[in-house]
Protein backbone atom coordinates (compact mmCIF):
# COMPACT_ATOMS: atom_id res chain seq x y z
CA MET A 1 9.14 3.19 20.97
CA THR A 2 7.21 1.85 18.25
CA ILE A 3 9.28 -1.10 17.11
CA ILE A 4 7.80 -4.34 16.00
CA THR A 5 8.80 -7.26 18.13
CA LYS A 6 6.22 -9.97 17.23
CA ALA A 7 4.29 -10.31 14.00
CA THR A 8 2.22 -13.16 13.89
CA ALA A 9 -0.77 -14.71 11.35
CA LEU A 10 -3.77 -16.63 11.57
CA LEU A 11 -6.36 -18.12 8.88
CA ALA A 12 -9.85 -18.75 10.13
CA ASP A 13 -13.01 -19.74 8.19
CA ILE A 14 -16.22 -17.50 8.64
CA ALA A 15 -19.36 -19.00 7.41
CA VAL A 16 -22.13 -16.51 5.60
CA GLU A 17 -24.92 -15.65 7.46
CA THR A 18 -27.00 -15.93 4.12
CA ASP A 19 -26.88 -17.98 1.00
CA ARG A 20 -25.24 -15.36 -1.21
CA THR A 21 -25.12 -16.09 -5.11
CA ASP A 22 -24.37 -14.18 -8.21
CA ALA A 23 -24.12 -14.84 -11.97
CA VAL A 24 -20.38 -16.40 -11.70
CA GLN A 25 -20.57 -17.89 -7.93
CA SER A 26 -21.56 -18.78 -4.97
CA PHE A 27 -20.26 -17.20 -1.26
CA VAL A 28 -20.14 -20.10 1.12
CA LYS A 29 -17.39 -18.88 3.66
CA GLN A 30 -15.23 -16.24 4.15
CA GLU A 31 -11.24 -17.25 4.23
CA THR A 32 -9.96 -14.55 6.71
CA ILE A 33 -6.38 -13.82 7.34
CA LEU A 34 -5.66 -11.91 10.58
CA VAL A 35 -2.13 -10.04 11.16
CA THR A 36 -1.53 -9.06 14.79
CA LEU A 37 1.77 -6.73 15.63
CA ALA A 38 3.43 -5.93 18.97
CA THR A 39 5.60 -3.09 19.46
CA THR A 40 7.86 -2.26 22.42
CA ASP A 41 5.41 0.70 23.80
CA GLY A 42 3.08 -2.28 24.61
CA ILE A 43 0.36 -1.26 21.63
CA GLU A 44 -1.13 -4.22 19.30
CA GLY A 45 -2.54 -3.53 16.01
CA THR A 46 -4.46 -5.96 14.35
CA GLY A 47 -5.65 -6.15 10.18
CA TYR A 48 -7.24 -8.26 7.96
CA ALA A 49 -7.89 -9.57 4.50
CA TYR A 50 -10.07 -12.16 3.24
CA THR A 51 -10.95 -14.54 0.20
CA ILE A 52 -14.35 -16.02 -0.66
CA GLY A 53 -13.48 -19.60 -0.54
CA THR A 54 -10.13 -20.39 -2.01
CA GLY A 55 -6.66 -18.93 -1.39
CA GLY A 56 -6.65 -18.21 2.17
CA SER A 57 -3.72 -20.64 2.86
CA SER A 58 -1.61 -19.27 0.12
CA VAL A 59 -2.00 -15.70 1.84
CA LEU A 60 -1.22 -17.26 5.00
CA ALA A 61 2.02 -18.80 3.53
CA LEU A 62 3.11 -15.73 1.59
CA LEU A 63 2.89 -13.86 5.01
CA ARG A 64 5.01 -16.30 7.52
CA ASP A 65 7.15 -17.80 4.83
CA HIS A 66 8.39 -13.94 3.39
CA LEU A 67 6.64 -11.06 4.77
CA LEU A 68 6.16 -11.20 8.82
CA PRO A 69 9.85 -12.35 9.44
CA LEU A 70 11.12 -9.06 7.76
CA LEU A 71 8.78 -6.83 9.97
CA ALA A 72 10.94 -7.46 13.33
CA GLY A 73 12.72 -4.51 14.38
CA LYS A 74 11.23 -2.48 12.19
CA ASP A 75 9.41 1.00 13.15
CA ALA A 76 5.90 0.81 13.39
CA ARG A 77 5.48 4.65 12.01
CA ASN A 78 6.72 3.95 8.65
CA VAL A 79 4.02 2.90 7.25
CA GLU A 80 4.37 3.72 3.77
CA GLY A 81 7.69 2.78 3.86
CA LEU A 82 7.34 -0.58 5.08
CA TRP A 83 4.62 -1.01 2.70
CA GLN A 84 6.88 -0.26 -0.18
CA GLU A 85 9.95 -2.43 1.10
CA LEU A 86 7.61 -5.10 1.49
CA PHE A 87 6.09 -4.68 -2.17
CA GLY A 88 9.39 -4.56 -3.61
CA LEU A 89 10.62 -7.71 -1.66
CA THR A 90 7.93 -9.22 -3.38
CA ARG A 91 7.88 -7.97 -6.84
CA ALA A 92 7.77 -11.10 -8.50
CA THR A 93 4.46 -11.65 -7.60
CA THR A 94 2.65 -8.40 -7.87
CA THR A 95 0.04 -6.90 -9.44
CA GLY A 96 -1.86 -9.85 -7.86
CA ALA A 97 -4.31 -11.08 -5.48
CA ILE A 98 -2.25 -13.33 -3.16
CA THR A 99 0.15 -10.53 -2.72
CA SER A 100 -2.29 -7.72 -2.34
CA LEU A 101 -4.20 -9.67 0.13
CA ALA A 102 -0.95 -10.09 2.54
CA LEU A 103 -0.01 -6.66 2.19
CA ALA A 104 -3.37 -5.59 3.02
CA ALA A 105 -3.23 -7.77 6.50
CA ILE A 106 -0.32 -6.04 7.34
CA ASP A 107 -1.00 -2.36 6.06
CA THR A 108 -4.45 -2.51 8.00
CA ALA A 109 -2.16 -3.74 11.34
CA LEU A 110 -0.12 -1.18 10.68
CA TRP A 111 -2.80 1.26 11.00
CA ASP A 112 -4.62 0.13 13.58
CA LEU A 113 -1.16 0.61 15.58
CA ARG A 114 -1.10 4.29 14.22
CA CYS A 115 -4.88 5.25 15.46
CA LYS A 116 -4.02 3.32 18.60
CA ARG A 117 -1.03 5.49 19.14
CA ALA A 118 -2.54 8.46 18.23
CA GLY A 119 -5.38 7.88 20.25
CA GLU A 120 -7.80 8.41 17.47
CA PRO A 121 -10.51 6.64 15.27
CA LEU A 122 -9.38 5.65 11.58
CA TRP A 123 -12.22 7.90 9.99
CA ARG A 124 -10.70 10.99 11.64
CA LEU A 125 -7.12 10.03 11.07
CA ALA A 126 -7.15 9.00 7.58
CA GLY A 127 -8.95 12.42 6.53
CA GLY A 128 -12.14 13.03 8.94
CA HIS A 129 -14.50 14.17 6.39
CA ARG A 130 -17.79 13.00 8.23
CA ARG A 131 -18.46 10.38 10.19
CA GLU A 132 -22.10 9.16 9.06
CA ILE A 133 -22.13 7.72 5.60
CA PRO A 134 -25.34 6.34 3.40
CA VAL A 135 -25.99 2.53 3.22
CA TYR A 136 -27.15 0.48 0.64
CA ASP A 137 -28.36 -3.03 1.18
CA THR A 138 -26.70 -6.24 -0.96
CA GLU A 139 -28.19 -8.79 1.28
CA GLY A 140 -31.52 -8.87 -0.16
CA GLY A 141 -30.78 -8.78 -3.62
CA TRP A 142 -28.79 -12.13 -4.70
CA LEU A 143 -29.56 -13.81 -7.85
CA HIS A 144 -31.25 -16.76 -6.46
CA LEU A 145 -33.93 -14.79 -4.88
CA SER A 146 -37.53 -14.69 -6.76
CA ALA A 147 -38.95 -11.19 -7.66
CA GLU A 148 -41.17 -11.46 -4.85
CA GLU A 149 -38.30 -11.64 -2.00
CA LEU A 150 -36.58 -9.20 -4.29
CA VAL A 151 -39.37 -6.82 -3.57
CA GLU A 152 -39.85 -7.69 0.23
CA SER A 153 -36.17 -7.27 1.10
CA ALA A 154 -36.36 -3.76 -0.91
CA LEU A 155 -39.25 -2.73 0.94
CA ALA A 156 -37.52 -3.68 4.15
CA ALA A 157 -34.57 -1.61 3.54
CA GLN A 158 -36.61 1.05 2.75
CA ARG A 159 -38.55 1.07 5.90
CA ALA A 160 -35.01 1.17 7.67
CA ARG A 161 -34.30 4.25 5.75
CA PHE A 162 -31.48 2.92 3.91
CA SER A 163 -30.76 4.99 0.71
CA GLY A 164 -30.33 2.03 -1.55
CA VAL A 165 -30.43 -1.92 -2.79
CA LYS A 166 -28.37 -3.89 -5.04
CA ILE A 167 -30.13 -6.14 -7.32
CA LYS A 168 -27.80 -8.99 -8.75
CA VAL A 169 -28.37 -9.69 -12.71
CA GLY A 170 -26.92 -12.35 -15.00
CA LYS A 171 -30.14 -14.37 -15.79
CA PRO A 172 -29.90 -16.31 -19.20
CA HIS A 173 -32.23 -13.79 -20.44
CA ALA A 174 -32.05 -9.91 -20.14
CA ALA A 175 -35.70 -9.99 -19.98
CA GLU A 176 -35.71 -11.67 -16.61
CA ASP A 177 -33.20 -9.23 -15.23
CA ALA A 178 -35.30 -6.47 -16.16
CA GLU A 179 -38.44 -7.88 -15.16
CA ARG A 180 -37.16 -8.51 -11.59
CA LEU A 181 -35.89 -4.87 -11.70
CA ARG A 182 -39.26 -3.81 -12.83
CA ALA A 183 -41.15 -5.02 -9.95
CA VAL A 184 -38.50 -3.74 -7.71
CA ARG A 185 -38.96 -0.46 -9.21
CA GLU A 186 -42.85 -0.20 -9.01
CA ALA A 187 -42.82 -1.28 -5.29
CA VAL A 188 -40.43 0.90 -3.93
CA GLY A 189 -41.14 3.92 -5.93
CA PRO A 190 -38.61 6.61 -7.63
CA ASN A 191 -36.60 7.68 -4.65
CA LEU A 192 -34.55 4.71 -3.90
CA HIS A 193 -31.64 3.92 -5.58
CA ILE A 194 -31.23 0.60 -7.09
CA MET A 195 -27.95 -0.66 -8.14
CA THR A 196 -27.31 -3.34 -10.00
CA ASP A 197 -24.70 -6.17 -10.28
CA ALA A 198 -23.41 -8.67 -12.88
CA ASN A 199 -20.44 -9.68 -11.33
CA GLN A 200 -18.28 -9.77 -14.56
CA SER A 201 -20.47 -12.38 -16.24
CA GLN A 202 -21.41 -10.49 -19.52
CA SER A 203 -19.45 -10.01 -23.04
CA LEU A 204 -19.45 -6.45 -24.72
CA SER A 205 -22.53 -7.39 -26.73
CA SER A 206 -24.65 -9.02 -23.97
CA ALA A 207 -23.67 -6.11 -21.43
CA VAL A 208 -25.14 -3.34 -24.18
CA GLN A 209 -28.16 -5.51 -24.30
CA LEU A 210 -28.67 -5.88 -20.76
CA ALA A 211 -27.86 -2.27 -20.02
CA ALA A 212 -30.66 -1.19 -22.93
CA ALA A 213 -33.15 -3.71 -20.85
CA LEU A 214 -32.42 -2.38 -17.37
CA GLU A 215 -32.20 1.43 -18.50
CA PRO A 216 -36.05 2.25 -18.17
CA TYR A 217 -36.25 1.16 -14.10
CA ASP A 218 -33.39 3.77 -13.45
CA PRO A 219 -30.35 1.83 -12.15
CA TYR A 220 -28.48 4.07 -9.58
CA TRP A 221 -25.24 2.11 -11.28
CA PHE A 222 -24.47 -1.07 -13.34
CA GLU A 223 -21.50 -3.00 -11.75
CA GLU A 224 -18.96 -5.06 -13.03
CA PRO A 225 -20.52 -5.77 -16.20
CA MET A 226 -17.63 -7.14 -18.04
CA PRO A 227 -14.11 -9.26 -16.69
CA ALA A 228 -12.31 -6.50 -14.79
CA ASP A 229 -9.52 -6.24 -16.97
CA ASP A 230 -11.28 -5.42 -20.25
CA VAL A 231 -11.01 -1.55 -19.86
CA SER A 232 -11.45 -0.70 -23.52
CA GLY A 233 -14.72 -2.87 -23.40
CA HIS A 234 -16.09 -1.34 -20.23
CA ALA A 235 -15.46 2.57 -21.99
CA ARG A 236 -17.53 1.47 -24.72
CA LEU A 237 -20.34 0.34 -22.73
CA ALA A 238 -20.22 3.81 -20.69
CA ARG A 239 -20.72 5.55 -24.05
CA SER A 240 -23.73 3.21 -24.90
CA THR A 241 -25.76 3.62 -21.92
CA ARG A 242 -26.78 6.51 -19.53
CA ILE A 243 -26.42 3.63 -16.54
CA PRO A 244 -23.31 4.77 -14.63
CA ILE A 245 -20.87 2.22 -15.02
CA ALA A 246 -19.42 1.16 -11.36
CA VAL A 247 -16.27 -1.05 -11.12
CA GLY A 248 -12.59 -1.91 -8.70
CA GLU A 249 -13.81 -4.93 -6.56
CA SER A 250 -11.46 -7.04 -8.66
CA MET A 251 -8.45 -4.73 -9.03
CA TYR A 252 -5.63 -5.34 -7.32
CA ALA A 253 -3.26 -2.16 -8.13
CA PRO A 254 -4.12 1.57 -7.96
CA MET A 255 -2.89 2.13 -11.60
CA GLN A 256 -5.57 -0.24 -12.72
CA PHE A 257 -8.02 2.28 -11.22
CA ARG A 258 -5.88 4.95 -13.27
CA SER A 259 -6.52 3.45 -16.26
CA TYR A 260 -10.34 2.85 -16.05
CA LEU A 261 -10.55 6.66 -15.18
CA GLU A 262 -8.56 8.07 -17.71
CA SER A 263 -10.67 6.12 -20.77
CA GLY A 264 -13.98 7.28 -18.99
CA ALA A 265 -14.70 3.87 -18.27
CA ALA A 266 -15.71 4.34 -14.51
CA SER A 267 -18.22 6.57 -13.05
CA VAL A 268 -18.30 5.16 -9.93
CA VAL A 269 -14.95 3.63 -7.77
CA GLN A 270 -15.46 0.27 -5.56
CA VAL A 271 -12.05 0.06 -4.45
CA ASP A 272 -11.54 -2.96 -1.68
CA VAL A 273 -9.19 -2.34 0.76
CA ALA A 274 -8.12 -6.18 1.07
CA ARG A 275 -7.95 -6.69 -2.60
CA VAL A 276 -6.11 -3.15 -3.37
CA GLY A 277 -3.42 -3.84 -0.94
CA GLY A 278 -4.40 -2.04 2.45
CA ILE A 279 -5.64 1.17 3.83
CA SER A 280 -2.39 2.87 2.46
CA PRO A 281 -3.34 2.38 -1.28
CA TRP A 282 -7.05 2.52 -0.72
CA LEU A 283 -6.46 6.16 -0.04
CA LYS A 284 -4.30 6.69 -2.76
CA VAL A 285 -7.45 5.31 -5.22
CA ALA A 286 -9.90 7.13 -3.27
CA HIS A 287 -7.93 10.87 -3.77
CA LEU A 288 -6.93 9.86 -7.19
CA ALA A 289 -11.23 9.41 -8.02
CA GLU A 290 -11.85 12.73 -6.78
CA THR A 291 -9.14 14.73 -9.32
CA PHE A 292 -11.79 12.90 -11.56
CA ASN A 293 -14.95 13.82 -9.57
CA VAL A 294 -15.84 10.06 -9.46
CA GLN A 295 -17.48 9.03 -6.45
CA VAL A 296 -16.04 6.14 -3.98
CA CYS A 297 -18.67 3.09 -3.07
CA PRO A 298 -16.09 0.13 -2.01
CA HIS A 299 -17.07 -3.28 -2.22
CA PHE A 300 -18.04 -5.54 1.08
CA LEU A 301 -16.26 -5.62 4.35
CA MET A 302 -18.56 -2.99 5.71
CA GLU A 303 -16.84 -2.72 8.91
CA LEU A 304 -13.56 -1.36 7.98
CA HIS A 305 -14.77 0.54 4.91
CA VAL A 306 -17.05 2.66 6.72
CA SER A 307 -14.58 4.24 8.81
CA LEU A 308 -12.80 4.90 4.99
CA VAL A 309 -15.35 6.37 3.18
CA ALA A 310 -16.08 8.96 5.92
CA ALA A 311 -12.33 9.64 5.90
CA VAL A 312 -12.75 11.07 2.54
CA SER A 313 -14.61 13.97 0.50
CA ASN A 314 -15.96 11.77 -2.25
CA GLY A 315 -17.12 9.11 -0.37
CA ALA A 316 -20.70 8.25 -0.88
CA TYR A 317 -22.12 4.59 0.21
CA VAL A 318 -21.31 1.60 2.47
CA GLU A 319 -22.40 -1.56 1.17
CA TYR A 320 -24.23 -3.50 3.90
CA ILE A 321 -23.27 -7.19 4.18
CA PRO A 322 -22.62 -8.31 7.88
CA GLN A 323 -19.77 -10.97 7.54
CA LEU A 324 -18.06 -10.58 11.17
CA ARG A 325 -20.90 -10.75 13.57
CA ALA A 326 -19.33 -14.26 14.63
CA VAL A 327 -15.90 -13.17 15.31
CA THR A 328 -16.34 -9.46 16.82
CA ARG A 329 -17.65 -8.11 20.25
CA THR A 330 -19.32 -5.12 18.36
CA GLU A 331 -21.26 -4.50 14.87
CA LEU A 332 -21.55 -1.74 12.71
CA THR A 333 -23.93 0.76 13.96
CA VAL A 334 -26.55 2.10 11.40
CA ARG A 335 -28.87 4.81 12.77
CA ASP A 336 -31.90 6.33 10.75
CA GLY A 337 -30.39 4.66 7.42
CA LEU A 338 -26.70 5.77 8.16
CA ALA A 339 -23.70 4.11 9.18
CA VAL A 340 -21.75 5.48 11.69
CA ALA A 341 -18.39 4.95 11.77
CA PRO A 342 -16.49 3.85 14.98
CA ASP A 343 -14.96 6.64 17.13
CA GLU A 344 -12.69 4.34 19.37
CA PRO A 345 -8.91 4.52 18.70
CA GLY A 346 -7.83 2.19 15.89
CA ILE A 347 -9.64 0.78 12.80
CA GLY A 348 -12.78 0.14 14.89
CA ILE A 349 -13.17 -3.74 14.70
CA ASP A 350 -13.24 -5.47 18.20
CA TRP A 351 -11.79 -9.07 17.25
CA ASP A 352 -13.48 -12.14 19.68
CA ARG A 353 -10.25 -13.82 19.89
CA ASP A 354 -11.90 -16.91 21.41
CA ALA A 355 -14.22 -17.16 18.32
CA LEU A 356 -11.67 -16.65 16.02
CA ASP A 357 -9.51 -19.55 17.44
CA ASP A 358 -12.83 -21.60 17.04
CA ARG A 359 -12.74 -21.09 13.55
CA ARG A 360 -8.88 -21.19 13.19
CA VAL A 361 -7.90 -23.68 9.91
CA SER A 362 -4.67 -25.40 10.93
């Protein structure tokens, strides 16, 4: 039997491992919301979602007050049916971040159960395309770092055989961003991909100017140049530059991706499994992107995304930002510059319950 007998949630604060800044914010902690589901066959599944400093308690309240009580007595095998039922019951608060994060915590727990029951790892059960995925480093590219520090970090990533690095942009003057990118490009040569990320800080006019300033240094993509709901602005920008436009980390429903893809406003999809509502909608977005011949390079959550990128044929990159090492017994394996999807049954995250309890928010 696979009937859910118990559904619990907790909130834990996980400090960042290094200073992280971009053009609009500093990332000081990860508010991590975990859901654990137990079933009559003796299997437990755990899923999670996150915020980067605010709103975690609101997600926890939505789960405890409205969603988790509805799971008791449900068949855990009906992952799609349960997602749609819970989505329907929260229709008054969708589409939105709080609801999507709550749904994601439940959905990833259901997928953890599904994989454990099948005796298969997530990367195989969700599609099984390949097990090893190229990695690019973000930890060495934060906006507060000097050009010298960016160069040092990029060279270290190159020596580790990473395929790319990300440089945050959004300085007061485009020339300063261009100079930082020039320094890195001259140091690493032509063969390392350099991603750039403006974190929604630009207007259309400044984004056009910034893209023109960055173009000589061959950026692999220009990420989130403008607010995520400005689909037409991104489409106009895409027509004005040869740099591919990457978006997705700030979208909370699959249909938002459809609008971007249909209008030619995105050349790279960065769907975030927590923010889009879980593994079930993540896979829908990935398959949608495939029909437009667009690659998927998800935002953050490398410990979970490695398995999903490995599952689909258009998965191209995993973003290297370690964040769970303080609360897990294992960490992402990177071998010869490639991230290796976990092969154990489940979503591939071995939580340290004592460490989570130490960081629990009451």
